[in-house]
Amino acid sequence: MRRFLPALVAALCLVGVQSALAQPTWPSRPVRLVVVFPPGGSSDIVARVLAEALSQRLTGRFVVDNRPGAGGTLGATQVASAPPDGHTIMLSNTAPIVTSPPLYPSVSYDPVAGFTHVTYLGAVPLVILANRTLVPATDLAGLRAWIAAQPSPPGFGTSGAGSVAHIVGIMFERQTGLRLTHVPYRGSAPMQADLLGGSIPLSFDTLPQNIENIRDGRLRAYAVTATQRQPMAPNLPTVAEAGMPGLLAENWLGLSGPAGLPPGVVERLNAATIAALADPAVLARMEEHGILPRPTTPAAFTAFVADQVREIGGAIRAMGLRAE
């Protein structure tokens, strides 16, 4: 037995090495980065910047795949049901993870356990907007007075039912006692076109998506739903400064994959993302679109998601809200 033991150990080691070498590398084909909104919005832009950066740092190509619909739940459902091999991931955000599941009773995935949450990326503040021609009010108090004076509830556009903008609109109604009519779109870009064209008078949307139209005076902005003024719009007050401190809300972004992603894939994707966001060129492009990157560990991001689902998702359920 002593004669054969060294040979057996050597043979087992060889088998282990061969087995490890036989394991497929990741990524072994293009990685699909699902964005749950149409092209042109802030999420889509951030995803394309990140896909390019990850393609340079890992062995495969990352391809953005826009899958909008039902408040982001259509794309999220596809990701949750995809094979957990690391070749389908999602630019996760507030809508499909936090606000939409309680709004859409047919959602089949668990927003926490149904995904492997890889890293938090950052958050984008929202802004209260109006078409300057349709709405004469120049500050938030004046806007509230204008809404109250209308014969019927004015329409407010958002990027979709279940979006964080939709929830901010509901919060605005509840905190002011005013009535608005929600007009959901399939993404920010078509909503913005109608806002500029005068089909709707008001909107709640992400600041970066609208900053150029605010700067050139085509749209009037009243306040950002953040705790601090934003570098890209330093003269724009926060909701607290404008008299509505309870209207804080941000659209956060992260990276998530199907539940059960191999730990090695999670570790490599997390590390590559952190490295990409530390690159000055990538960092500048992110900040240009209103994102101050704050990547985290998978455990920290998962805990954050669970808190959001419990607090914000729970509040939506308590209000008995449902998507139109």
C-alpha atoms as a PDB file:
ATOM      1  CA  MET A   1       0.000   0.000   0.000  1.00  0.00           C
ATOM      2  CA  ARG A   2       2.879   2.354   0.835  1.00  0.00           C
ATOM      3  CA  ARG A   3       4.365   1.667  -2.618  1.00  0.00           C
ATOM      4  CA  PHE A   4       1.146   2.594  -4.396  1.00  0.00           C
ATOM      5  CA  LEU A   5       0.128   5.619  -2.255  1.00  0.00           C
ATOM      6  CA  PRO A   6       2.558   8.164  -3.788  1.00  0.00           C
ATOM      7  CA  ALA A   7       1.558   7.046  -7.274  1.00  0.00           C
ATOM      8  CA  LEU A   8      -2.138   7.323  -6.357  1.00  0.00           C
ATOM      9  CA  VAL A   9      -1.692  10.823  -4.937  1.00  0.00           C
ATOM     10  CA  ALA A  10       0.231  11.876  -8.050  1.00  0.00           C
ATOM     11  CA  ALA A  11      -2.471  10.431 -10.286  1.00  0.00           C
ATOM     12  CA  LEU A  12      -5.227  12.204  -8.377  1.00  0.00           C
ATOM     13  CA  CYS A  13      -3.329  15.495  -8.560  1.00  0.00           C
ATOM     14  CA  LEU A  14      -2.918  15.050 -12.306  1.00  0.00           C
ATOM     15  CA  VAL A  15      -6.633  14.381 -12.688  1.00  0.00           C
ATOM     16  CA  GLY A  16      -7.387  17.518 -10.657  1.00  0.00           C
ATOM     17  CA  VAL A  17      -5.088  19.641 -12.812  1.00  0.00           C
ATOM     18  CA  GLN A  18      -6.566  18.214 -16.024  1.00  0.00           C
ATOM     19  CA  SER A  19     -10.082  18.798 -14.684  1.00  0.00           C
ATOM     20  CA  ALA A  20      -9.252  22.409 -13.817  1.00  0.00           C
ATOM     21  CA  LEU A  21      -7.735  22.942 -17.243  1.00  0.00           C
ATOM     22  CA  ALA A  22     -10.831  21.427 -18.836  1.00  0.00           C
ATOM     23  CA  GLN A  23     -13.115  23.968 -17.126  1.00  0.00           C
ATOM     24  CA  PRO A  24     -14.361  26.545 -19.664  1.00  0.00           C
ATOM     25  CA  THR A  25     -12.913  30.005 -19.278  1.00  0.00           C
ATOM     26  CA  TRP A  26     -15.197  32.953 -18.699  1.00  0.00           C
ATOM     27  CA  PRO A  27     -16.265  34.631 -20.799  1.00  0.00           C
ATOM     28  CA  SER A  28     -16.099  32.054 -23.584  1.00  0.00           C
ATOM     29  CA  ARG A  29     -18.467  34.010 -25.850  1.00  0.00           C
ATOM     30  CA  PRO A  30     -19.968  37.525 -25.928  1.00  0.00           C
ATOM     31  CA  VAL A  31     -21.610  38.590 -22.663  1.00  0.00           C
ATOM     32  CA  ARG A  32     -25.098  40.049 -23.029  1.00  0.00           C
ATOM     33  CA  LEU A  33     -25.534  43.140 -20.847  1.00  0.00           C
ATOM     34  CA  VAL A  34     -29.293  43.615 -20.625  1.00  0.00           C
ATOM     35  CA  VAL A  35     -30.643  47.148 -20.235  1.00  0.00           C
ATOM     36  CA  VAL A  36     -34.316  47.204 -19.279  1.00  0.00           C
ATOM     37  CA  PHE A  37     -34.959  50.542 -21.010  1.00  0.00           C
ATOM     38  CA  PRO A  38     -34.781  51.615 -24.689  1.00  0.00           C
ATOM     39  CA  PRO A  39     -31.633  53.125 -26.244  1.00  0.00           C
ATOM     40  CA  GLY A  40     -30.868  56.759 -25.557  1.00  0.00           C
ATOM     41  CA  GLY A  41     -31.558  57.052 -21.826  1.00  0.00           C
ATOM     42  CA  SER A  42     -29.106  57.393 -18.957  1.00  0.00           C
ATOM     43  CA  SER A  43     -29.109  53.654 -18.194  1.00  0.00           C
ATOM     44  CA  ASP A  44     -28.348  52.817 -21.819  1.00  0.00           C
ATOM     45  CA  ILE A  45     -25.497  55.335 -21.994  1.00  0.00           C
ATOM     46  CA  VAL A  46     -23.917  54.089 -18.762  1.00  0.00           C
ATOM     47  CA  ALA A  47     -24.252  50.476 -19.937  1.00  0.00           C
ATOM     48  CA  ARG A  48     -22.431  51.226 -23.201  1.00  0.00           C
ATOM     49  CA  VAL A  49     -19.580  52.980 -21.409  1.00  0.00           C
ATOM     50  CA  LEU A  50     -19.267  50.047 -19.004  1.00  0.00           C
ATOM     51  CA  ALA A  51     -19.554  47.409 -21.746  1.00  0.00           C
ATOM     52  CA  GLU A  52     -16.669  48.990 -23.630  1.00  0.00           C
ATOM     53  CA  ALA A  53     -14.532  49.178 -20.491  1.00  0.00           C
ATOM     54  CA  LEU A  54     -15.247  45.563 -19.464  1.00  0.00           C
ATOM     55  CA  SER A  55     -14.553  44.303 -22.989  1.00  0.00           C
ATOM     56  CA  GLN A  56     -11.074  45.793 -22.690  1.00  0.00           C
ATOM     57  CA  ARG A  57     -10.394  44.184 -19.313  1.00  0.00           C
ATOM     58  CA  LEU A  58     -11.833  40.703 -19.784  1.00  0.00           C
ATOM     59  CA  THR A  59     -11.361  38.090 -22.477  1.00  0.00           C
ATOM     60  CA  GLY A  60     -14.783  38.464 -24.112  1.00  0.00           C
ATOM     61  CA  ARG A  61     -16.928  41.140 -25.680  1.00  0.00           C
ATOM     62  CA  PHE A  62     -19.771  42.757 -23.709  1.00  0.00           C
ATOM     63  CA  VAL A  63     -22.775  43.625 -25.862  1.00  0.00           C
ATOM     64  CA  VAL A  64     -25.640  45.868 -24.722  1.00  0.00           C
ATOM     65  CA  ASP A  65     -29.083  44.345 -25.312  1.00  0.00           C
ATOM     66  CA  ASN A  66     -32.055  46.673 -24.743  1.00  0.00           C
ATOM     67  CA  ARG A  67     -35.113  44.808 -23.445  1.00  0.00           C
ATOM     68  CA  PRO A  68     -37.690  47.407 -22.330  1.00  0.00           C
ATOM     69  CA  GLY A  69     -41.220  46.845 -21.125  1.00  0.00           C
ATOM     70  CA  ALA A  70     -43.446  46.550 -18.046  1.00  0.00           C
ATOM     71  CA  GLY A  71     -41.375  48.853 -15.863  1.00  0.00           C
ATOM     72  CA  GLY A  72     -38.188  46.932 -16.617  1.00  0.00           C
ATOM     73  CA  THR A  73     -39.593  43.592 -15.498  1.00  0.00           C
ATOM     74  CA  LEU A  74     -39.541  41.996 -18.960  1.00  0.00           C
ATOM     75  CA  GLY A  75     -35.777  42.327 -19.267  1.00  0.00           C
ATOM     76  CA  ALA A  76     -35.235  41.423 -15.619  1.00  0.00           C
ATOM     77  CA  THR A  77     -37.324  38.257 -16.049  1.00  0.00           C
ATOM     78  CA  GLN A  78     -35.123  37.214 -18.975  1.00  0.00           C
ATOM     79  CA  VAL A  79     -31.995  37.691 -16.893  1.00  0.00           C
ATOM     80  CA  ALA A  80     -33.403  35.884 -13.851  1.00  0.00           C
ATOM     81  CA  SER A  81     -34.281  32.859 -16.017  1.00  0.00           C
ATOM     82  CA  ALA A  82     -31.009  32.822 -18.000  1.00  0.00           C
ATOM     83  CA  PRO A  83     -28.390  30.100 -17.394  1.00  0.00           C
ATOM     84  CA  PRO A  84     -26.129  31.218 -14.523  1.00  0.00           C
ATOM     85  CA  ASP A  85     -22.946  30.949 -16.568  1.00  0.00           C
ATOM     86  CA  GLY A  86     -22.006  34.643 -16.580  1.00  0.00           C
ATOM     87  CA  HIS A  87     -22.939  35.282 -20.211  1.00  0.00           C
ATOM     88  CA  THR A  88     -26.156  37.155 -19.366  1.00  0.00           C
ATOM     89  CA  ILE A  89     -26.044  40.007 -16.860  1.00  0.00           C
ATOM     90  CA  MET A  90     -28.157  43.083 -16.263  1.00  0.00           C
ATOM     91  CA  LEU A  91     -27.622  46.746 -15.596  1.00  0.00           C
ATOM     92  CA  SER A  92     -29.895  46.538 -12.579  1.00  0.00           C
ATOM     93  CA  ASN A  93     -31.574  49.623 -11.209  1.00  0.00           C
ATOM     94  CA  THR A  94     -34.371  50.873  -8.999  1.00  0.00           C
ATOM     95  CA  ALA A  95     -37.226  50.052 -11.396  1.00  0.00           C
ATOM     96  CA  PRO A  96     -36.990  46.282 -12.024  1.00  0.00           C
ATOM     97  CA  ILE A  97     -35.554  45.512  -8.593  1.00  0.00           C
ATOM     98  CA  VAL A  98     -37.419  47.806  -6.185  1.00  0.00           C
ATOM     99  CA  THR A  99     -40.396  49.713  -7.575  1.00  0.00           C
ATOM    100  CA  SER A 100     -41.829  47.487 -10.317  1.00  0.00           C
ATOM    101  CA  PRO A 101     -42.249  44.112  -8.534  1.00  0.00           C
ATOM    102  CA  PRO A 102     -44.909  45.431  -6.131  1.00  0.00           C
ATOM    103  CA  LEU A 103     -46.599  47.332  -8.970  1.00  0.00           C
ATOM    104  CA  TYR A 104     -46.835  44.306 -11.286  1.00  0.00           C
ATOM    105  CA  PRO A 105     -48.465  41.323  -9.520  1.00  0.00           C
ATOM    106  CA  SER A 106     -47.419  38.977 -12.351  1.00  0.00           C
ATOM    107  CA  VAL A 107     -43.676  39.424 -11.701  1.00  0.00           C
ATOM    108  CA  SER A 108     -42.224  35.937 -11.260  1.00  0.00           C
ATOM    109  CA  TYR A 109     -38.742  36.696  -9.886  1.00  0.00           C
ATOM    110  CA  ASP A 110     -37.556  37.453  -6.382  1.00  0.00           C
ATOM    111  CA  PRO A 111     -35.676  40.790  -6.617  1.00  0.00           C
ATOM    112  CA  VAL A 112     -33.179  39.710  -3.953  1.00  0.00           C
ATOM    113  CA  ALA A 113     -32.807  35.919  -4.105  1.00  0.00           C
ATOM    114  CA  GLY A 114     -33.612  35.704  -7.819  1.00  0.00           C
ATOM    115  CA  PHE A 115     -30.338  37.391  -8.805  1.00  0.00           C
ATOM    116  CA  THR A 116     -26.655  37.407  -8.031  1.00  0.00           C
ATOM    117  CA  HIS A 117     -26.014  41.057  -7.193  1.00  0.00           C
ATOM    118  CA  VAL A 118     -22.426  41.786  -8.218  1.00  0.00           C
ATOM    119  CA  THR A 119     -21.783  45.462  -7.489  1.00  0.00           C
ATOM    120  CA  TYR A 120     -23.447  48.799  -6.913  1.00  0.00           C
ATOM    121  CA  LEU A 121     -22.357  51.399  -9.485  1.00  0.00           C
ATOM    122  CA  GLY A 122     -23.842  54.740  -8.439  1.00  0.00           C
ATOM    123  CA  ALA A 123     -27.028  56.788  -8.554  1.00  0.00           C
ATOM    124  CA  VAL A 124     -28.623  59.381 -10.815  1.00  0.00           C
ATOM    125  CA  PRO A 125     -30.815  62.142  -9.312  1.00  0.00           C
ATOM    126  CA  LEU A 126     -34.145  63.048 -10.821  1.00  0.00           C
ATOM    127  CA  VAL A 127     -35.351  66.514 -11.729  1.00  0.00           C
ATOM    128  CA  ILE A 128     -38.809  68.114 -11.836  1.00  0.00           C
ATOM    129  CA  LEU A 129     -39.334  69.524 -15.327  1.00  0.00           C
ATOM    130  CA  ALA A 130     -41.852  71.538 -17.323  1.00  0.00           C
ATOM    131  CA  ASN A 131     -42.375  72.724 -20.870  1.00  0.00           C
ATOM    132  CA  ARG A 132     -41.633  76.468 -20.617  1.00  0.00           C
ATOM    133  CA  THR A 133     -44.336  77.399 -23.095  1.00  0.00           C
ATOM    134  CA  LEU A 134     -47.099  75.481 -21.331  1.00  0.00           C
ATOM    135  CA  VAL A 135     -46.119  76.168 -17.720  1.00  0.00           C
ATOM    136  CA  PRO A 136     -45.332  79.776 -16.691  1.00  0.00           C
ATOM    137  CA  ALA A 137     -44.255  78.961 -13.105  1.00  0.00           C
ATOM    138  CA  THR A 138     -40.623  79.783 -12.367  1.00  0.00           C
ATOM    139  CA  ASP A 139     -40.161  77.973  -9.044  1.00  0.00           C
ATOM    140  CA  LEU A 140     -41.570  74.937  -7.257  1.00  0.00           C
ATOM    141  CA  ALA A 141     -44.050  76.949  -5.191  1.00  0.00           C
ATOM    142  CA  GLY A 142     -45.327  78.566  -8.374  1.00  0.00           C
ATOM    143  CA  LEU A 143     -45.574  75.178 -10.056  1.00  0.00           C
ATOM    144  CA  ARG A 144     -47.735  73.863  -7.241  1.00  0.00           C
ATOM    145  CA  ALA A 145     -49.994  76.909  -7.560  1.00  0.00           C
ATOM    146  CA  TRP A 146     -50.235  76.401 -11.338  1.00  0.00           C
ATOM    147  CA  ILE A 147     -51.210  72.731 -10.927  1.00  0.00           C
ATOM    148  CA  ALA A 148     -53.854  73.645  -8.357  1.00  0.00           C
ATOM    149  CA  ALA A 149     -55.355  76.184 -10.770  1.00  0.00           C
ATOM    150  CA  GLN A 150     -55.788  73.768 -13.680  1.00  0.00           C
ATOM    151  CA  PRO A 151     -59.330  72.565 -14.496  1.00  0.00           C
ATOM    152  CA  SER A 152     -58.127  68.963 -14.794  1.00  0.00           C
ATOM    153  CA  PRO A 153     -55.036  67.125 -13.509  1.00  0.00           C
ATOM    154  CA  PRO A 154     -52.053  67.980 -15.755  1.00  0.00           C
ATOM    155  CA  GLY A 155     -50.122  65.100 -17.283  1.00  0.00           C
ATOM    156  CA  PHE A 156     -46.621  64.171 -16.139  1.00  0.00           C
ATOM    157  CA  GLY A 157     -44.446  61.962 -18.304  1.00  0.00           C
ATOM    158  CA  THR A 158     -42.041  59.306 -17.070  1.00  0.00           C
ATOM    159  CA  SER A 159     -39.831  56.645 -18.607  1.00  0.00           C
ATOM    160  CA  GLY A 160     -42.432  54.023 -17.703  1.00  0.00           C
ATOM    161  CA  ALA A 161     -44.883  52.674 -15.162  1.00  0.00           C
ATOM    162  CA  GLY A 162     -42.971  51.389 -12.160  1.00  0.00           C
ATOM    163  CA  SER A 163     -39.970  53.630 -12.777  1.00  0.00           C
ATOM    164  CA  VAL A 164     -38.559  55.631  -9.896  1.00  0.00           C
ATOM    165  CA  ALA A 165     -39.864  58.737 -11.709  1.00  0.00           C
ATOM    166  CA  HIS A 166     -43.374  57.285 -11.520  1.00  0.00           C
ATOM    167  CA  ILE A 167     -42.994  56.786  -7.777  1.00  0.00           C
ATOM    168  CA  VAL A 168     -41.659  60.348  -7.377  1.00  0.00           C
ATOM    169  CA  GLY A 169     -44.760  61.600  -9.174  1.00  0.00           C
ATOM    170  CA  ILE A 170     -46.959  59.696  -6.730  1.00  0.00           C
ATOM    171  CA  MET A 171     -44.921  61.046  -3.815  1.00  0.00           C
ATOM    172  CA  PHE A 172     -45.377  64.566  -5.185  1.00  0.00           C
ATOM    173  CA  GLU A 173     -49.160  64.092  -5.294  1.00  0.00           C
ATOM    174  CA  ARG A 174     -49.325  62.685  -1.774  1.00  0.00           C
ATOM    175  CA  GLN A 175     -47.125  65.392  -0.257  1.00  0.00           C
ATOM    176  CA  THR A 176     -48.914  68.287  -1.964  1.00  0.00           C
ATOM    177  CA  GLY A 177     -52.494  66.993  -2.080  1.00  0.00           C
ATOM    178  CA  LEU A 178     -52.542  67.836  -5.796  1.00  0.00           C
ATOM    179  CA  ARG A 179     -53.690  65.571  -8.623  1.00  0.00           C
ATOM    180  CA  LEU A 180     -51.663  64.714 -11.708  1.00  0.00           C
ATOM    181  CA  THR A 181     -52.207  62.303 -14.587  1.00  0.00           C
ATOM    182  CA  HIS A 182     -49.408  59.790 -15.141  1.00  0.00           C
ATOM    183  CA  VAL A 183     -48.346  59.405 -18.782  1.00  0.00           C
ATOM    184  CA  PRO A 184     -45.908  56.454 -19.015  1.00  0.00           C
ATOM    185  CA  TYR A 185     -43.552  56.037 -21.980  1.00  0.00           C
ATOM    186  CA  ARG A 186     -41.231  53.271 -23.123  1.00  0.00           C
ATOM    187  CA  GLY A 187     -38.118  55.115 -22.019  1.00  0.00           C
ATOM    188  CA  SER A 188     -36.916  58.681 -21.463  1.00  0.00           C
ATOM    189  CA  ALA A 189     -36.205  59.552 -25.091  1.00  0.00           C
ATOM    190  CA  PRO A 190     -39.806  59.373 -26.429  1.00  0.00           C
ATOM    191  CA  MET A 191     -41.110  61.058 -23.275  1.00  0.00           C
ATOM    192  CA  GLN A 192     -38.622  63.893 -23.689  1.00  0.00           C
ATOM    193  CA  ALA A 193     -39.694  64.393 -27.312  1.00  0.00           C
ATOM    194  CA  ASP A 194     -43.321  64.836 -26.232  1.00  0.00           C
ATOM    195  CA  LEU A 195     -42.349  67.150 -23.380  1.00  0.00           C
ATOM    196  CA  LEU A 196     -40.365  69.365 -25.743  1.00  0.00           C
ATOM    197  CA  GLY A 197     -43.160  69.232 -28.312  1.00  0.00           C
ATOM    198  CA  GLY A 198     -45.830  70.259 -25.830  1.00  0.00           C
ATOM    199  CA  SER A 199     -47.835  67.028 -25.778  1.00  0.00           C
ATOM    200  CA  ILE A 200     -47.337  66.886 -21.992  1.00  0.00           C
ATOM    201  CA  PRO A 201     -46.618  69.823 -19.678  1.00  0.00           C
ATOM    202  CA  LEU A 202     -44.617  68.127 -16.907  1.00  0.00           C
ATOM    203  CA  SER A 203     -42.117  65.371 -16.269  1.00  0.00           C
ATOM    204  CA  PHE A 204     -40.061  63.686 -13.600  1.00  0.00           C
ATOM    205  CA  ASP A 205     -36.886  62.325 -15.204  1.00  0.00           C
ATOM    206  CA  THR A 206     -33.146  61.888 -14.675  1.00  0.00           C
ATOM    207  CA  LEU A 207     -31.087  65.083 -14.654  1.00  0.00           C
ATOM    208  CA  PRO A 208     -28.320  64.022 -17.086  1.00  0.00           C
ATOM    209  CA  GLN A 209     -30.865  63.014 -19.725  1.00  0.00           C
ATOM    210  CA  ASN A 210     -32.286  66.548 -19.726  1.00  0.00           C
ATOM    211  CA  ILE A 211     -29.343  68.767 -18.855  1.00  0.00           C
ATOM    212  CA  GLU A 212     -28.745  70.173 -22.356  1.00  0.00           C
ATOM    213  CA  ASN A 213     -32.390  71.158 -22.786  1.00  0.00           C
ATOM    214  CA  ILE A 214     -32.302  72.778 -19.351  1.00  0.00           C
ATOM    215  CA  ARG A 215     -29.137  74.707 -20.175  1.00  0.00           C
ATOM    216  CA  ASP A 216     -30.420  76.002 -23.503  1.00  0.00           C
ATOM    217  CA  GLY A 217     -33.747  77.030 -21.964  1.00  0.00           C
ATOM    218  CA  ARG A 218     -35.995  74.617 -23.836  1.00  0.00           C
ATOM    219  CA  LEU A 219     -37.100  73.035 -20.560  1.00  0.00           C
ATOM    220  CA  ARG A 220     -37.531  74.586 -17.125  1.00  0.00           C
ATOM    221  CA  ALA A 221     -36.158  72.659 -14.155  1.00  0.00           C
ATOM    222  CA  TYR A 222     -37.411  73.280 -10.615  1.00  0.00           C
ATOM    223  CA  ALA A 223     -35.405  71.038  -8.284  1.00  0.00           C
ATOM    224  CA  VAL A 224     -33.340  67.857  -8.077  1.00  0.00           C
ATOM    225  CA  THR A 225     -34.473  64.966  -5.881  1.00  0.00           C
ATOM    226  CA  ALA A 226     -31.091  64.677  -4.159  1.00  0.00           C
ATOM    227  CA  THR A 227     -29.581  65.756  -0.854  1.00  0.00           C
ATOM    228  CA  GLN A 228     -26.975  67.959  -2.576  1.00  0.00           C
ATOM    229  CA  ARG A 229     -26.835  70.277  -5.561  1.00  0.00           C
ATOM    230  CA  GLN A 230     -25.384  68.618  -8.628  1.00  0.00           C
ATOM    231  CA  PRO A 231     -22.094  69.725 -10.255  1.00  0.00           C
ATOM    232  CA  MET A 232     -23.663  69.681 -13.723  1.00  0.00           C
ATOM    233  CA  ALA A 233     -26.433  72.060 -12.556  1.00  0.00           C
ATOM    234  CA  PRO A 234     -25.073  73.990  -9.552  1.00  0.00           C
ATOM    235  CA  ASN A 235     -27.776  76.675  -9.705  1.00  0.00           C
ATOM    236  CA  LEU A 236     -30.604  74.151  -9.493  1.00  0.00           C
ATOM    237  CA  PRO A 237     -31.906  73.801  -5.902  1.00  0.00           C
ATOM    238  CA  THR A 238     -32.522  70.521  -4.131  1.00  0.00           C
ATOM    239  CA  VAL A 239     -36.093  69.568  -3.249  1.00  0.00           C
ATOM    240  CA  ALA A 240     -35.348  70.470   0.372  1.00  0.00           C
ATOM    241  CA  GLU A 241     -34.180  73.932  -0.637  1.00  0.00           C
ATOM    242  CA  ALA A 242     -37.286  74.283  -2.825  1.00  0.00           C
ATOM    243  CA  GLY A 243     -39.621  73.436   0.053  1.00  0.00           C
ATOM    244  CA  MET A 244     -40.276  69.690  -0.401  1.00  0.00           C
ATOM    245  CA  PRO A 245     -37.680  67.836   1.712  1.00  0.00           C
ATOM    246  CA  GLY A 246     -39.656  64.587   1.594  1.00  0.00           C
ATOM    247  CA  LEU A 247     -39.253  64.180  -2.155  1.00  0.00           C
ATOM    248  CA  LEU A 248     -35.789  62.598  -2.060  1.00  0.00           C
ATOM    249  CA  ALA A 249     -35.287  59.806  -4.610  1.00  0.00           C
ATOM    250  CA  GLU A 250     -32.497  58.533  -6.830  1.00  0.00           C
ATOM    251  CA  ASN A 251     -32.297  56.019  -9.654  1.00  0.00           C
ATOM    252  CA  TRP A 252     -29.441  53.743  -8.615  1.00  0.00           C
ATOM    253  CA  LEU A 253     -27.568  51.445 -10.977  1.00  0.00           C
ATOM    254  CA  GLY A 254     -25.717  48.173 -10.434  1.00  0.00           C
ATOM    255  CA  LEU A 255     -24.665  44.929 -12.076  1.00  0.00           C
ATOM    256  CA  SER A 256     -26.649  41.742 -11.413  1.00  0.00           C
ATOM    257  CA  GLY A 257     -26.848  38.297 -12.964  1.00  0.00           C
ATOM    258  CA  PRO A 258     -29.033  35.232 -12.535  1.00  0.00           C
ATOM    259  CA  ALA A 259     -29.030  33.541  -9.143  1.00  0.00           C
ATOM    260  CA  GLY A 260     -26.226  31.012  -8.790  1.00  0.00           C
ATOM    261  CA  LEU A 261     -23.455  32.734 -10.753  1.00  0.00           C
ATOM    262  CA  PRO A 262     -20.184  30.878 -10.079  1.00  0.00           C
ATOM    263  CA  PRO A 263     -18.111  32.627  -7.389  1.00  0.00           C
ATOM    264  CA  GLY A 264     -15.166  32.890  -9.775  1.00  0.00           C
ATOM    265  CA  VAL A 265     -17.280  34.755 -12.326  1.00  0.00           C
ATOM    266  CA  VAL A 266     -18.669  37.075  -9.644  1.00  0.00           C
ATOM    267  CA  GLU A 267     -15.176  37.800  -8.350  1.00  0.00           C
ATOM    268  CA  ARG A 268     -13.753  38.538 -11.811  1.00  0.00           C
ATOM    269  CA  LEU A 269     -16.708  40.692 -12.879  1.00  0.00           C
ATOM    270  CA  ASN A 270     -16.650  42.648  -9.635  1.00  0.00           C
ATOM    271  CA  ALA A 271     -12.885  43.221  -9.829  1.00  0.00           C
ATOM    272  CA  ALA A 272     -13.014  44.213 -13.511  1.00  0.00           C
ATOM    273  CA  THR A 273     -15.850  46.664 -12.847  1.00  0.00           C
ATOM    274  CA  ILE A 274     -14.020  48.287  -9.934  1.00  0.00           C
ATOM    275  CA  ALA A 275     -10.890  48.582 -12.086  1.00  0.00           C
ATOM    276  CA  ALA A 276     -12.874  50.059 -14.977  1.00  0.00           C
ATOM    277  CA  LEU A 277     -14.528  52.666 -12.750  1.00  0.00           C
ATOM    278  CA  ALA A 278     -11.120  53.701 -11.398  1.00  0.00           C
ATOM    279  CA  ASP A 279      -9.927  54.506 -14.923  1.00  0.00           C
ATOM    280  CA  PRO A 280      -9.864  58.341 -15.264  1.00  0.00           C
ATOM    281  CA  ALA A 281     -11.337  58.174 -18.777  1.00  0.00           C
ATOM    282  CA  VAL A 282     -14.231  55.942 -17.701  1.00  0.00           C
ATOM    283  CA  LEU A 283     -14.738  57.966 -14.528  1.00  0.00           C
ATOM    284  CA  ALA A 284     -14.989  61.186 -16.557  1.00  0.00           C
ATOM    285  CA  ARG A 285     -17.590  59.673 -18.875  1.00  0.00           C
ATOM    286  CA  MET A 286     -19.629  58.415 -15.941  1.00  0.00           C
ATOM    287  CA  GLU A 287     -19.549  61.780 -14.191  1.00  0.00           C
ATOM    288  CA  GLU A 288     -20.534  63.443 -17.462  1.00  0.00           C
ATOM    289  CA  HIS A 289     -23.786  61.491 -17.209  1.00  0.00           C
ATOM    290  CA  GLY A 290     -24.361  62.287 -13.552  1.00  0.00           C
ATOM    291  CA  ILE A 291     -22.907  59.111 -12.021  1.00  0.00           C
ATOM    292  CA  LEU A 292     -20.347  59.344  -9.232  1.00  0.00           C
ATOM    293  CA  PRO A 293     -19.181  55.703  -9.156  1.00  0.00           C
ATOM    294  CA  ARG A 294     -19.274  53.940  -5.793  1.00  0.00           C
ATOM    295  CA  PRO A 295     -18.630  50.229  -6.535  1.00  0.00           C
ATOM    296  CA  THR A 296     -19.079  47.768  -3.679  1.00  0.00           C
ATOM    297  CA  THR A 297     -18.558  44.147  -2.798  1.00  0.00           C
ATOM    298  CA  PRO A 298     -21.285  41.668  -3.828  1.00  0.00           C
ATOM    299  CA  ALA A 299     -22.266  41.226  -0.173  1.00  0.00           C
ATOM    300  CA  ALA A 300     -22.661  44.968   0.375  1.00  0.00           C
ATOM    301  CA  PHE A 301     -24.700  45.379  -2.810  1.00  0.00           C
ATOM    302  CA  THR A 302     -26.961  42.459  -1.903  1.00  0.00           C
ATOM    303  CA  ALA A 303     -27.590  43.979   1.530  1.00  0.00           C
ATOM    304  CA  PHE A 304     -28.360  47.339  -0.090  1.00  0.00           C
ATOM    305  CA  VAL A 305     -30.852  45.721  -2.487  1.00  0.00           C
ATOM    306  CA  ALA A 306     -32.559  43.896   0.374  1.00  0.00           C
ATOM    307  CA  ASP A 307     -32.910  47.169   2.306  1.00  0.00           C
ATOM    308  CA  GLN A 308     -34.370  48.953  -0.732  1.00  0.00           C
ATOM    309  CA  VAL A 309     -36.855  46.168  -1.412  1.00  0.00           C
ATOM    310  CA  ARG A 310     -37.940  46.088   2.222  1.00  0.00           C
ATOM    311  CA  GLU A 311     -38.269  49.847   2.720  1.00  0.00           C
ATOM    312  CA  ILE A 312     -39.327  51.327  -0.638  1.00  0.00           C
ATOM    313  CA  GLY A 313     -40.977  48.219  -2.050  1.00  0.00           C
ATOM    314  CA  GLY A 314     -42.777  47.736   1.244  1.00  0.00           C
ATOM    315  CA  ALA A 315     -44.040  51.328   1.163  1.00  0.00           C
ATOM    316  CA  ILE A 316     -45.409  50.822  -2.358  1.00  0.00           C
ATOM    317  CA  ARG A 317     -47.234  47.684  -1.237  1.00  0.00           C
ATOM    318  CA  ALA A 318     -48.597  49.491   1.807  1.00  0.00           C
ATOM    319  CA  MET A 319     -50.014  52.196  -0.465  1.00  0.00           C
ATOM    320  CA  GLY A 320     -51.715  49.511  -2.567  1.00  0.00           C
ATOM    321  CA  LEU A 321     -50.309  50.934  -5.807  1.00  0.00           C
ATOM    322  CA  ARG A 322     -50.639  49.068  -9.100  1.00  0.00           C
ATOM    323  CA  ALA A 323     -49.307  49.854 -12.567  1.00  0.00           C
ATOM    324  CA  GLU A 324     -51.831  51.301 -14.997  1.00  0.00           C
END
